[in-house]
Amino acid sequence: MTAVSLPAQDWAKAALEKSPRHREYVPIKHGDRTVQAFVVYPEVKAKAPVVILIHEIFGLSDWAKEMADELAGQGYIVIAPDLLSGFGPNGGGSDAFASQDATTKAVSGLAPDVVLADLDAAADYGKKLPSANGKLFVTGFCWGGGKSFAFATHRHDLSAAFVFYGPPPPDVSGVTAPVYGFYAGNDARISATVPATTEAMKAAGKKYEPVIYDGAGHGFMRAGEAPDANEANKKAREEGFKRMVETIGKLNTGSTTHMLRPVRRGAKPAKPVLAGVSCHEGMPDGDGKHMGPVEMAAIM
C-alpha cells in the first residue's frame, strides 16, 4: 500500500526543506520499545531549553515536523516523538498508514500508559543532551493538546505545558507546572470543558491560563498557516505562536520580555478570551455558539 499523508501539506513540507536548521530522526529506546523521534536543533551559541512536541491525531505529519522546526527557530531544541512508532503496517510509524482515516484510528487507539512512557523517554533523552540547559516544556495540538495536559499531571520537572485545543485530564491534582491553554472560538466541543477545568485548577491551587481566539476554528495552528487560511485562523495562529514563544522565553530566562524572532507572517494580536477548544477539524461544534472576548487573568 502507498502511504497517504494529511492532505494539502505540500506547503509544510516545502517550508521544512528550506530550513537551515539541523534536524534528525533518533530512535529512543525504553524497555522493549523503540520510539522514532524527529529532533530539531536551534542555531544558538548557548545551551537551550527542550520542548517536547506532541502531534495531532493525524500522527507525525509534515505539518507537525514543520511546526517543530519553526519552534526550534526561536531558540529551542524540539523533540517530536512519533507515537505511532511500531504500530503501523509492517511495524512502521505514522508514514506507514495508507490513509488519514487509518492514522486517526490508530492514534485514537493508543494506550495512555504507552503514550506517557514514550513521552517520558523523549523528555529523558532531551534533558541529557549536551546542548540542553535543563529546562523542559511540553506542547501539543488537537489529540496532542490533551496529551500535553495529561503529561503535566505526570511529569513533575516540567517548566510549563502548552495545550492547544485539547481536552483536560479527569484529575488535575498532579499538575505542578503552569498550564497555558490555546482555544478556538468556533470549537464548542472542547470549549465546554474550559469553565470546569478553570474551577478544578483553581480549587487545586494550580496555575491555568486559558485564552480563546474569537472566530478561529479547531486546528488553527495548522489551518492558519495553510495557503487558503482565513483571517481568523491566521490571526489566532500567529498570536498563539507568539504567546507560546514569549512565555517559554520568560520562564527560561526569568525576563519579563522576550523578543520574538521573525516568523513568516504577521498578524494583529488577538485578545485573551475564556473558552475552549475542539480536537478534530470539521467536527460538530454543538450549537456553534462561542463566548465573546473576555480578558483572562492568571489563575493560581
C-alpha atoms as a PDB file:
ATOM      1  CA  MET A   1       0.000   0.000   0.000  1.00  0.00           C
ATOM      2  CA  THR A   2       1.069   3.566  -0.599  1.00  0.00           C
ATOM      3  CA  ALA A   3       1.168   5.830   2.428  1.00  0.00           C
ATOM      4  CA  VAL A   4      -1.065   8.883   2.264  1.00  0.00           C
ATOM      5  CA  SER A   5      -0.186  11.956   4.329  1.00  0.00           C
ATOM      6  CA  LEU A   6      -2.514  14.630   5.679  1.00  0.00           C
ATOM      7  CA  PRO A   7      -3.948  16.471   2.634  1.00  0.00           C
ATOM      8  CA  ALA A   8      -2.663  19.849   1.491  1.00  0.00           C
ATOM      9  CA  GLN A   9       0.633  19.715   3.329  1.00  0.00           C
ATOM     10  CA  ASP A  10       2.964  20.371   0.424  1.00  0.00           C
ATOM     11  CA  TRP A  11       3.436  23.892   1.797  1.00  0.00           C
ATOM     12  CA  ALA A  12       4.577  22.492   5.150  1.00  0.00           C
ATOM     13  CA  LYS A  13       6.992  20.087   3.519  1.00  0.00           C
ATOM     14  CA  ALA A  14       8.385  22.840   1.290  1.00  0.00           C
ATOM     15  CA  ALA A  15       8.942  25.156   4.266  1.00  0.00           C
ATOM     16  CA  LEU A  16      10.720  22.402   6.159  1.00  0.00           C
ATOM     17  CA  GLU A  17      13.023  21.623   3.261  1.00  0.00           C
ATOM     18  CA  LYS A  18      14.127  25.274   3.120  1.00  0.00           C
ATOM     19  CA  SER A  19      15.090  25.345   6.786  1.00  0.00           C
ATOM     20  CA  PRO A  20      18.792  25.815   7.606  1.00  0.00           C
ATOM     21  CA  ARG A  21      18.452  24.068  10.973  1.00  0.00           C
ATOM     22  CA  HIS A  22      19.895  20.651  11.769  1.00  0.00           C
ATOM     23  CA  ARG A  23      17.215  18.002  12.071  1.00  0.00           C
ATOM     24  CA  GLU A  24      17.442  14.262  12.513  1.00  0.00           C
ATOM     25  CA  TYR A  25      15.476  11.134  13.325  1.00  0.00           C
ATOM     26  CA  VAL A  26      16.547   9.486  16.546  1.00  0.00           C
ATOM     27  CA  PRO A  27      15.497   6.045  17.813  1.00  0.00           C
ATOM     28  CA  ILE A  28      14.747   6.390  21.515  1.00  0.00           C
ATOM     29  CA  LYS A  29      14.694   3.080  23.363  1.00  0.00           C
ATOM     30  CA  HIS A  30      12.908   2.393  26.630  1.00  0.00           C
ATOM     31  CA  GLY A  31      12.128  -1.071  27.899  1.00  0.00           C
ATOM     32  CA  ASP A  32      11.345  -3.297  24.930  1.00  0.00           C
ATOM     33  CA  ARG A  33      10.064  -0.404  22.808  1.00  0.00           C
ATOM     34  CA  THR A  34      11.770   1.991  20.383  1.00  0.00           C
ATOM     35  CA  VAL A  35      10.204   5.341  19.512  1.00  0.00           C
ATOM     36  CA  GLN A  36      11.349   7.264  16.477  1.00  0.00           C
ATOM     37  CA  ALA A  37      11.648  10.966  17.248  1.00  0.00           C
ATOM     38  CA  PHE A  38      12.095  13.962  14.969  1.00  0.00           C
ATOM     39  CA  VAL A  39      14.639  16.277  16.611  1.00  0.00           C
ATOM     40  CA  VAL A  40      15.435  19.837  15.511  1.00  0.00           C
ATOM     41  CA  TYR A  41      18.245  21.954  16.927  1.00  0.00           C
ATOM     42  CA  PRO A  42      18.313  25.758  17.058  1.00  0.00           C
ATOM     43  CA  GLU A  43      21.188  27.802  15.687  1.00  0.00           C
ATOM     44  CA  VAL A  44      22.271  29.313  19.005  1.00  0.00           C
ATOM     45  CA  LYS A  45      25.505  29.759  20.969  1.00  0.00           C
ATOM     46  CA  ALA A  46      24.212  28.898  24.439  1.00  0.00           C
ATOM     47  CA  LYS A  47      22.519  25.805  25.790  1.00  0.00           C
ATOM     48  CA  ALA A  48      18.786  25.739  25.096  1.00  0.00           C
ATOM     49  CA  PRO A  49      15.544  24.530  26.687  1.00  0.00           C
ATOM     50  CA  VAL A  50      13.938  21.337  25.408  1.00  0.00           C
ATOM     51  CA  VAL A  51      10.374  21.335  24.093  1.00  0.00           C
ATOM     52  CA  ILE A  52       8.520  18.033  23.656  1.00  0.00           C
ATOM     53  CA  LEU A  53       6.044  18.466  20.806  1.00  0.00           C
ATOM     54  CA  ILE A  54       3.072  16.080  20.699  1.00  0.00           C
ATOM     55  CA  HIS A  55       1.493  15.629  17.299  1.00  0.00           C
ATOM     56  CA  GLU A  56      -2.166  15.842  16.325  1.00  0.00           C
ATOM     57  CA  ILE A  57      -4.454  12.863  15.873  1.00  0.00           C
ATOM     58  CA  PHE A  58      -3.069  12.789  12.319  1.00  0.00           C
ATOM     59  CA  GLY A  59       0.282  11.436  13.520  1.00  0.00           C
ATOM     60  CA  LEU A  60       3.732  12.876  12.918  1.00  0.00           C
ATOM     61  CA  SER A  61       2.731  14.722   9.753  1.00  0.00           C
ATOM     62  CA  ASP A  62       4.699  17.128   7.586  1.00  0.00           C
ATOM     63  CA  TRP A  63       2.976  19.958   9.424  1.00  0.00           C
ATOM     64  CA  ALA A  64       3.980  18.605  12.852  1.00  0.00           C
ATOM     65  CA  LYS A  65       7.597  18.445  11.705  1.00  0.00           C
ATOM     66  CA  GLU A  66       7.401  21.931  10.196  1.00  0.00           C
ATOM     67  CA  MET A  67       5.943  23.231  13.454  1.00  0.00           C
ATOM     68  CA  ALA A  68       8.829  21.627  15.344  1.00  0.00           C
ATOM     69  CA  ASP A  69      11.309  23.305  13.022  1.00  0.00           C
ATOM     70  CA  GLU A  70       9.671  26.706  13.372  1.00  0.00           C
ATOM     71  CA  LEU A  71       9.698  26.448  17.149  1.00  0.00           C
ATOM     72  CA  ALA A  72      13.375  25.445  17.035  1.00  0.00           C
ATOM     73  CA  GLY A  73      13.923  28.601  15.015  1.00  0.00           C
ATOM     74  CA  GLN A  74      13.010  30.542  18.143  1.00  0.00           C
ATOM     75  CA  GLY A  75      15.956  29.069  20.034  1.00  0.00           C
ATOM     76  CA  TYR A  76      14.689  25.776  21.430  1.00  0.00           C
ATOM     77  CA  ILE A  77      15.607  22.105  21.000  1.00  0.00           C
ATOM     78  CA  VAL A  78      12.406  20.440  19.840  1.00  0.00           C
ATOM     79  CA  ILE A  79      11.732  16.720  20.110  1.00  0.00           C
ATOM     80  CA  ALA A  80       8.638  15.396  18.341  1.00  0.00           C
ATOM     81  CA  PRO A  81       8.185  11.667  19.023  1.00  0.00           C
ATOM     82  CA  ASP A  82       6.217   9.620  16.529  1.00  0.00           C
ATOM     83  CA  LEU A  83       3.817   7.983  18.964  1.00  0.00           C
ATOM     84  CA  LEU A  84       2.720   5.565  16.251  1.00  0.00           C
ATOM     85  CA  SER A  85       6.240   4.094  16.058  1.00  0.00           C
ATOM     86  CA  GLY A  86       5.940   0.344  15.621  1.00  0.00           C
ATOM     87  CA  PHE A  87       2.147   0.400  15.411  1.00  0.00           C
ATOM     88  CA  GLY A  88       1.882   0.953  11.657  1.00  0.00           C
ATOM     89  CA  PRO A  89       1.754  -1.631   8.878  1.00  0.00           C
ATOM     90  CA  ASN A  90       4.864  -3.836   8.895  1.00  0.00           C
ATOM     91  CA  GLY A  91       5.992  -2.259  12.153  1.00  0.00           C
ATOM     92  CA  GLY A  92       6.160   1.243  10.716  1.00  0.00           C
ATOM     93  CA  GLY A  93       5.073   4.568  12.138  1.00  0.00           C
ATOM     94  CA  SER A  94       2.881   7.475  11.045  1.00  0.00           C
ATOM     95  CA  ASP A  95       4.064   7.443   7.439  1.00  0.00           C
ATOM     96  CA  ALA A  96       3.240   3.726   7.018  1.00  0.00           C
ATOM     97  CA  PHE A  97      -0.533   4.129   7.094  1.00  0.00           C
ATOM     98  CA  ALA A  98      -2.439   4.083   3.816  1.00  0.00           C
ATOM     99  CA  SER A  99      -4.987   6.759   4.692  1.00  0.00           C
ATOM    100  CA  GLN A 100      -5.682   9.614   7.061  1.00  0.00           C
ATOM    101  CA  ASP A 101      -8.614   7.652   8.460  1.00  0.00           C
ATOM    102  CA  ALA A 102      -6.366   4.714   9.295  1.00  0.00           C
ATOM    103  CA  THR A 103      -3.882   7.034  11.005  1.00  0.00           C
ATOM    104  CA  THR A 104      -6.635   8.681  13.033  1.00  0.00           C
ATOM    105  CA  LYS A 105      -7.985   5.327  14.190  1.00  0.00           C
ATOM    106  CA  ALA A 106      -4.516   4.167  15.195  1.00  0.00           C
ATOM    107  CA  VAL A 107      -3.751   7.310  17.200  1.00  0.00           C
ATOM    108  CA  SER A 108      -7.167   7.124  18.872  1.00  0.00           C
ATOM    109  CA  GLY A 109      -6.403   3.566  19.946  1.00  0.00           C
ATOM    110  CA  LEU A 110      -3.043   4.255  21.595  1.00  0.00           C
ATOM    111  CA  ALA A 111      -2.900   3.158  25.220  1.00  0.00           C
ATOM    112  CA  PRO A 112      -2.452   6.137  27.583  1.00  0.00           C
ATOM    113  CA  ASP A 113       0.258   4.389  29.608  1.00  0.00           C
ATOM    114  CA  VAL A 114       2.259   3.669  26.459  1.00  0.00           C
ATOM    115  CA  VAL A 115       1.958   7.296  25.368  1.00  0.00           C
ATOM    116  CA  LEU A 116       3.156   8.533  28.762  1.00  0.00           C
ATOM    117  CA  ALA A 117       6.104   6.126  28.699  1.00  0.00           C
ATOM    118  CA  ASP A 118       7.064   7.306  25.202  1.00  0.00           C
ATOM    119  CA  LEU A 119       6.870  10.942  26.278  1.00  0.00           C
ATOM    120  CA  ASP A 120       8.925  10.225  29.374  1.00  0.00           C
ATOM    121  CA  ALA A 121      11.599   8.587  27.215  1.00  0.00           C
ATOM    122  CA  ALA A 122      11.643  11.581  24.849  1.00  0.00           C
ATOM    123  CA  ALA A 123      11.904  14.006  27.781  1.00  0.00           C
ATOM    124  CA  ASP A 124      14.685  11.998  29.438  1.00  0.00           C
ATOM    125  CA  TYR A 125      16.588  11.881  26.154  1.00  0.00           C
ATOM    126  CA  GLY A 126      16.223  15.626  25.661  1.00  0.00           C
ATOM    127  CA  LYS A 127      17.349  16.613  29.130  1.00  0.00           C
ATOM    128  CA  LYS A 128      20.542  14.572  28.734  1.00  0.00           C
ATOM    129  CA  LEU A 129      21.584  16.266  25.502  1.00  0.00           C
ATOM    130  CA  PRO A 130      24.869  18.188  25.913  1.00  0.00           C
ATOM    131  CA  SER A 131      23.292  21.300  24.405  1.00  0.00           C
ATOM    132  CA  ALA A 132      20.233  21.247  26.699  1.00  0.00           C
ATOM    133  CA  ASN A 133      20.063  23.662  29.634  1.00  0.00           C
ATOM    134  CA  GLY A 134      17.834  21.548  31.879  1.00  0.00           C
ATOM    135  CA  LYS A 135      14.551  23.388  31.263  1.00  0.00           C
ATOM    136  CA  LEU A 136      11.745  21.174  29.920  1.00  0.00           C
ATOM    137  CA  PHE A 137       8.481  22.205  28.267  1.00  0.00           C
ATOM    138  CA  VAL A 138       5.702  20.301  26.526  1.00  0.00           C
ATOM    139  CA  THR A 139       3.253  21.399  23.856  1.00  0.00           C
ATOM    140  CA  GLY A 140       0.639  19.500  21.907  1.00  0.00           C
ATOM    141  CA  PHE A 141      -2.059  20.061  19.323  1.00  0.00           C
ATOM    142  CA  CYS A 142      -5.531  18.551  18.987  1.00  0.00           C
ATOM    143  CA  TRP A 143      -5.198  14.990  20.406  1.00  0.00           C
ATOM    144  CA  GLY A 144      -1.686  16.005  21.367  1.00  0.00           C
ATOM    145  CA  GLY A 145      -3.053  19.001  23.240  1.00  0.00           C
ATOM    146  CA  GLY A 146      -4.961  16.682  25.542  1.00  0.00           C
ATOM    147  CA  LYS A 147      -1.856  14.541  25.977  1.00  0.00           C
ATOM    148  CA  SER A 148       0.242  17.582  26.864  1.00  0.00           C
ATOM    149  CA  PHE A 149      -2.202  18.412  29.666  1.00  0.00           C
ATOM    150  CA  ALA A 150      -2.148  14.770  30.826  1.00  0.00           C
ATOM    151  CA  PHE A 151       1.655  14.782  30.742  1.00  0.00           C
ATOM    152  CA  ALA A 152       1.636  17.800  33.047  1.00  0.00           C
ATOM    153  CA  THR A 153      -0.175  15.702  35.683  1.00  0.00           C
ATOM    154  CA  HIS A 154       2.543  13.058  35.439  1.00  0.00           C
ATOM    155  CA  ARG A 155       5.856  14.776  34.744  1.00  0.00           C
ATOM    156  CA  HIS A 156       6.951  16.988  37.609  1.00  0.00           C
ATOM    157  CA  ASP A 157      10.090  18.547  36.148  1.00  0.00           C
ATOM    158  CA  LEU A 158       8.178  20.499  33.508  1.00  0.00           C
ATOM    159  CA  SER A 159       8.583  24.259  33.437  1.00  0.00           C
ATOM    160  CA  ALA A 160       5.235  24.665  31.630  1.00  0.00           C
ATOM    161  CA  ALA A 161       2.679  22.899  29.452  1.00  0.00           C
ATOM    162  CA  PHE A 162       1.079  24.487  26.378  1.00  0.00           C
ATOM    163  CA  VAL A 163      -2.269  22.936  25.482  1.00  0.00           C
ATOM    164  CA  PHE A 164      -3.591  23.716  22.009  1.00  0.00           C
ATOM    165  CA  TYR A 165      -7.279  22.850  21.609  1.00  0.00           C
ATOM    166  CA  GLY A 166      -7.134  19.619  23.588  1.00  0.00           C
ATOM    167  CA  PRO A 167      -9.359  18.230  26.367  1.00  0.00           C
ATOM    168  CA  PRO A 168      -8.354  18.261  30.038  1.00  0.00           C
ATOM    169  CA  PRO A 169      -7.447  15.196  32.111  1.00  0.00           C
ATOM    170  CA  PRO A 170     -10.076  13.920  34.574  1.00  0.00           C
ATOM    171  CA  ASP A 171      -7.858  14.724  37.555  1.00  0.00           C
ATOM    172  CA  VAL A 172      -5.620  17.816  37.663  1.00  0.00           C
ATOM    173  CA  SER A 173      -4.307  17.340  41.192  1.00  0.00           C
ATOM    174  CA  GLY A 174      -0.944  16.067  39.918  1.00  0.00           C
ATOM    175  CA  VAL A 175      -0.171  19.190  37.901  1.00  0.00           C
ATOM    176  CA  THR A 176       2.888  21.041  39.189  1.00  0.00           C
ATOM    177  CA  ALA A 177       3.760  23.324  36.249  1.00  0.00           C
ATOM    178  CA  PRO A 178       1.740  26.244  34.889  1.00  0.00           C
ATOM    179  CA  VAL A 179      -0.629  25.239  32.102  1.00  0.00           C
ATOM    180  CA  TYR A 180      -1.372  27.634  29.240  1.00  0.00           C
ATOM    181  CA  GLY A 181      -4.417  26.907  27.096  1.00  0.00           C
ATOM    182  CA  PHE A 182      -4.988  27.984  23.485  1.00  0.00           C
ATOM    183  CA  TYR A 183      -8.546  27.555  22.265  1.00  0.00           C
ATOM    184  CA  ALA A 184     -10.693  28.397  19.244  1.00  0.00           C
ATOM    185  CA  GLY A 185     -13.844  30.461  19.360  1.00  0.00           C
ATOM    186  CA  ASN A 186     -15.666  28.195  16.919  1.00  0.00           C
ATOM    187  CA  ASP A 187     -14.876  24.960  18.737  1.00  0.00           C
ATOM    188  CA  ALA A 188     -17.617  24.345  21.301  1.00  0.00           C
ATOM    189  CA  ARG A 189     -16.911  20.635  21.775  1.00  0.00           C
ATOM    190  CA  ILE A 190     -13.777  21.417  23.785  1.00  0.00           C
ATOM    191  CA  SER A 191     -14.762  24.941  24.792  1.00  0.00           C
ATOM    192  CA  ALA A 192     -17.451  23.492  27.015  1.00  0.00           C
ATOM    193  CA  THR A 193     -14.777  21.843  29.178  1.00  0.00           C
ATOM    194  CA  VAL A 194     -12.897  25.038  29.971  1.00  0.00           C
ATOM    195  CA  PRO A 195     -15.104  26.510  32.735  1.00  0.00           C
ATOM    196  CA  ALA A 196     -14.989  23.262  34.742  1.00  0.00           C
ATOM    197  CA  THR A 197     -11.260  22.946  34.131  1.00  0.00           C
ATOM    198  CA  THR A 198     -10.782  26.514  35.319  1.00  0.00           C
ATOM    199  CA  GLU A 199     -12.626  25.741  38.542  1.00  0.00           C
ATOM    200  CA  ALA A 200     -10.784  22.452  39.070  1.00  0.00           C
ATOM    201  CA  MET A 201      -7.369  24.039  38.561  1.00  0.00           C
ATOM    202  CA  LYS A 202      -8.286  26.944  40.827  1.00  0.00           C
ATOM    203  CA  ALA A 203      -9.533  24.605  43.553  1.00  0.00           C
ATOM    204  CA  ALA A 204      -6.323  22.571  43.318  1.00  0.00           C
ATOM    205  CA  GLY A 205      -4.179  25.704  43.559  1.00  0.00           C
ATOM    206  CA  LYS A 206      -2.756  25.307  40.058  1.00  0.00           C
ATOM    207  CA  LYS A 207      -1.892  27.989  37.529  1.00  0.00           C
ATOM    208  CA  TYR A 208      -4.069  27.789  34.426  1.00  0.00           C
ATOM    209  CA  GLU A 209      -4.325  30.496  31.793  1.00  0.00           C
ATOM    210  CA  PRO A 210      -6.819  29.678  29.027  1.00  0.00           C
ATOM    211  CA  VAL A 211      -7.113  32.011  26.052  1.00  0.00           C
ATOM    212  CA  ILE A 212      -9.671  31.853  23.281  1.00  0.00           C
ATOM    213  CA  TYR A 213      -9.184  33.230  19.781  1.00  0.00           C
ATOM    214  CA  ASP A 214     -12.514  34.557  18.591  1.00  0.00           C
ATOM    215  CA  GLY A 215     -13.625  33.389  15.153  1.00  0.00           C
ATOM    216  CA  ALA A 216     -10.909  30.739  14.839  1.00  0.00           C
ATOM    217  CA  GLY A 217     -11.690  27.081  14.241  1.00  0.00           C
ATOM    218  CA  HIS A 218     -10.232  23.908  15.663  1.00  0.00           C
ATOM    219  CA  GLY A 219      -6.741  23.181  14.412  1.00  0.00           C
ATOM    220  CA  PHE A 220      -5.964  26.855  13.825  1.00  0.00           C
ATOM    221  CA  MET A 221      -2.224  26.388  14.306  1.00  0.00           C
ATOM    222  CA  ARG A 222      -2.183  24.240  11.171  1.00  0.00           C
ATOM    223  CA  ALA A 223      -5.153  25.749   9.330  1.00  0.00           C
ATOM    224  CA  GLY A 224      -3.896  29.266   9.980  1.00  0.00           C
ATOM    225  CA  GLU A 225      -0.667  28.502   8.176  1.00  0.00           C
ATOM    226  CA  ALA A 226      -2.218  26.891   5.083  1.00  0.00           C
ATOM    227  CA  PRO A 227      -2.324  28.801   1.778  1.00  0.00           C
ATOM    228  CA  ASP A 228      -6.130  29.009   1.985  1.00  0.00           C
ATOM    229  CA  ALA A 229      -6.240  30.125   5.635  1.00  0.00           C
ATOM    230  CA  ASN A 230      -8.985  32.543   6.650  1.00  0.00           C
ATOM    231  CA  GLU A 231      -8.150  35.705   8.565  1.00  0.00           C
ATOM    232  CA  ALA A 232      -9.407  34.464  11.943  1.00  0.00           C
ATOM    233  CA  ASN A 233      -7.255  31.343  11.787  1.00  0.00           C
ATOM    234  CA  LYS A 234      -4.233  33.330  10.602  1.00  0.00           C
ATOM    235  CA  LYS A 235      -4.597  35.755  13.458  1.00  0.00           C
ATOM    236  CA  ALA A 236      -5.071  33.015  16.037  1.00  0.00           C
ATOM    237  CA  ARG A 237      -2.125  31.075  14.673  1.00  0.00           C
ATOM    238  CA  GLU A 238       0.281  33.992  14.766  1.00  0.00           C
ATOM    239  CA  GLU A 239      -0.840  35.293  18.142  1.00  0.00           C
ATOM    240  CA  GLY A 240      -0.854  31.797  19.646  1.00  0.00           C
ATOM    241  CA  PHE A 241       2.666  31.113  18.427  1.00  0.00           C
ATOM    242  CA  LYS A 242       3.845  34.492  19.726  1.00  0.00           C
ATOM    243  CA  ARG A 243       2.286  33.868  23.133  1.00  0.00           C
ATOM    244  CA  MET A 244       3.882  30.427  23.460  1.00  0.00           C
ATOM    245  CA  VAL A 245       7.352  31.575  22.408  1.00  0.00           C
ATOM    246  CA  GLU A 246       7.319  34.636  24.635  1.00  0.00           C
ATOM    247  CA  THR A 247       6.115  32.580  27.597  1.00  0.00           C
ATOM    248  CA  ILE A 248       8.857  29.991  27.115  1.00  0.00           C
ATOM    249  CA  GLY A 249      11.383  32.803  26.863  1.00  0.00           C
ATOM    250  CA  LYS A 250      10.162  34.390  30.078  1.00  0.00           C
ATOM    251  CA  LEU A 251      10.174  31.103  32.004  1.00  0.00           C
ATOM    252  CA  ASN A 252      13.571  30.170  30.610  1.00  0.00           C
ATOM    253  CA  THR A 253      15.367  33.406  31.418  1.00  0.00           C
ATOM    254  CA  GLY A 254      13.230  34.980  34.107  1.00  0.00           C
ATOM    255  CA  SER A 255      12.970  38.107  31.966  1.00  0.00           C
ATOM    256  CA  THR A 256       9.617  39.841  31.655  1.00  0.00           C
ATOM    257  CA  THR A 257      10.195  40.379  27.955  1.00  0.00           C
ATOM    258  CA  HIS A 258      11.318  38.126  25.146  1.00  0.00           C
ATOM    259  CA  MET A 259      11.965  39.229  21.590  1.00  0.00           C
ATOM    260  CA  LEU A 260      10.093  37.028  19.137  1.00  0.00           C
ATOM    261  CA  ARG A 261      12.272  36.140  16.193  1.00  0.00           C
ATOM    262  CA  PRO A 262      10.764  36.933  12.784  1.00  0.00           C
ATOM    263  CA  VAL A 263       8.127  34.497  11.532  1.00  0.00           C
ATOM    264  CA  ARG A 264       6.723  34.108   8.064  1.00  0.00           C
ATOM    265  CA  ARG A 265       3.520  36.011   8.603  1.00  0.00           C
ATOM    266  CA  GLY A 266       2.413  38.938  10.722  1.00  0.00           C
ATOM    267  CA  ALA A 267      -0.924  39.304  12.464  1.00  0.00           C
ATOM    268  CA  LYS A 268      -2.580  41.733  14.817  1.00  0.00           C
ATOM    269  CA  PRO A 269      -2.702  40.492  18.411  1.00  0.00           C
ATOM    270  CA  ALA A 270      -5.816  38.600  19.464  1.00  0.00           C
ATOM    271  CA  LYS A 271      -7.499  39.349  22.761  1.00  0.00           C
ATOM    272  CA  PRO A 272      -7.387  36.705  25.514  1.00  0.00           C
ATOM    273  CA  VAL A 273     -10.762  35.017  25.894  1.00  0.00           C
ATOM    274  CA  LEU A 274     -12.175  32.454  28.264  1.00  0.00           C
ATOM    275  CA  ALA A 275     -13.292  29.471  26.258  1.00  0.00           C
ATOM    276  CA  GLY A 276     -12.312  26.079  24.998  1.00  0.00           C
ATOM    277  CA  VAL A 277     -11.316  24.078  22.026  1.00  0.00           C
ATOM    278  CA  SER A 278     -12.096  21.055  19.962  1.00  0.00           C
ATOM    279  CA  CYS A 279      -9.952  18.279  18.601  1.00  0.00           C
ATOM    280  CA  HIS A 280     -10.869  17.467  15.018  1.00  0.00           C
ATOM    281  CA  GLU A 281     -11.219  19.929  12.187  1.00  0.00           C
ATOM    282  CA  GLY A 282     -14.704  19.578  10.775  1.00  0.00           C
ATOM    283  CA  MET A 283     -16.195  18.025  13.957  1.00  0.00           C
ATOM    284  CA  PRO A 284     -19.623  19.316  15.072  1.00  0.00           C
ATOM    285  CA  ASP A 285     -19.449  22.301  17.401  1.00  0.00           C
ATOM    286  CA  GLY A 286     -22.778  21.859  19.179  1.00  0.00           C
ATOM    287  CA  ASP A 287     -24.933  24.915  18.611  1.00  0.00           C
ATOM    288  CA  GLY A 288     -21.993  26.774  17.101  1.00  0.00           C
ATOM    289  CA  LYS A 289     -22.075  29.491  19.756  1.00  0.00           C
ATOM    290  CA  HIS A 290     -18.980  30.764  21.483  1.00  0.00           C
ATOM    291  CA  MET A 291     -18.066  33.288  24.098  1.00  0.00           C
ATOM    292  CA  GLY A 292     -17.022  36.784  23.172  1.00  0.00           C
ATOM    293  CA  PRO A 293     -13.684  38.384  24.097  1.00  0.00           C
ATOM    294  CA  VAL A 294     -13.024  38.447  27.815  1.00  0.00           C
ATOM    295  CA  GLU A 295      -9.769  39.400  29.482  1.00  0.00           C
ATOM    296  CA  MET A 296      -8.492  36.400  31.440  1.00  0.00           C
ATOM    297  CA  ALA A 297      -6.256  36.711  34.483  1.00  0.00           C
ATOM    298  CA  ALA A 298      -3.889  34.001  35.626  1.00  0.00           C
ATOM    299  CA  ILE A 299      -5.489  31.527  37.983  1.00  0.00           C
ATOM    300  CA  MET A 300      -3.284  30.379  40.795  1.00  0.00           C
END
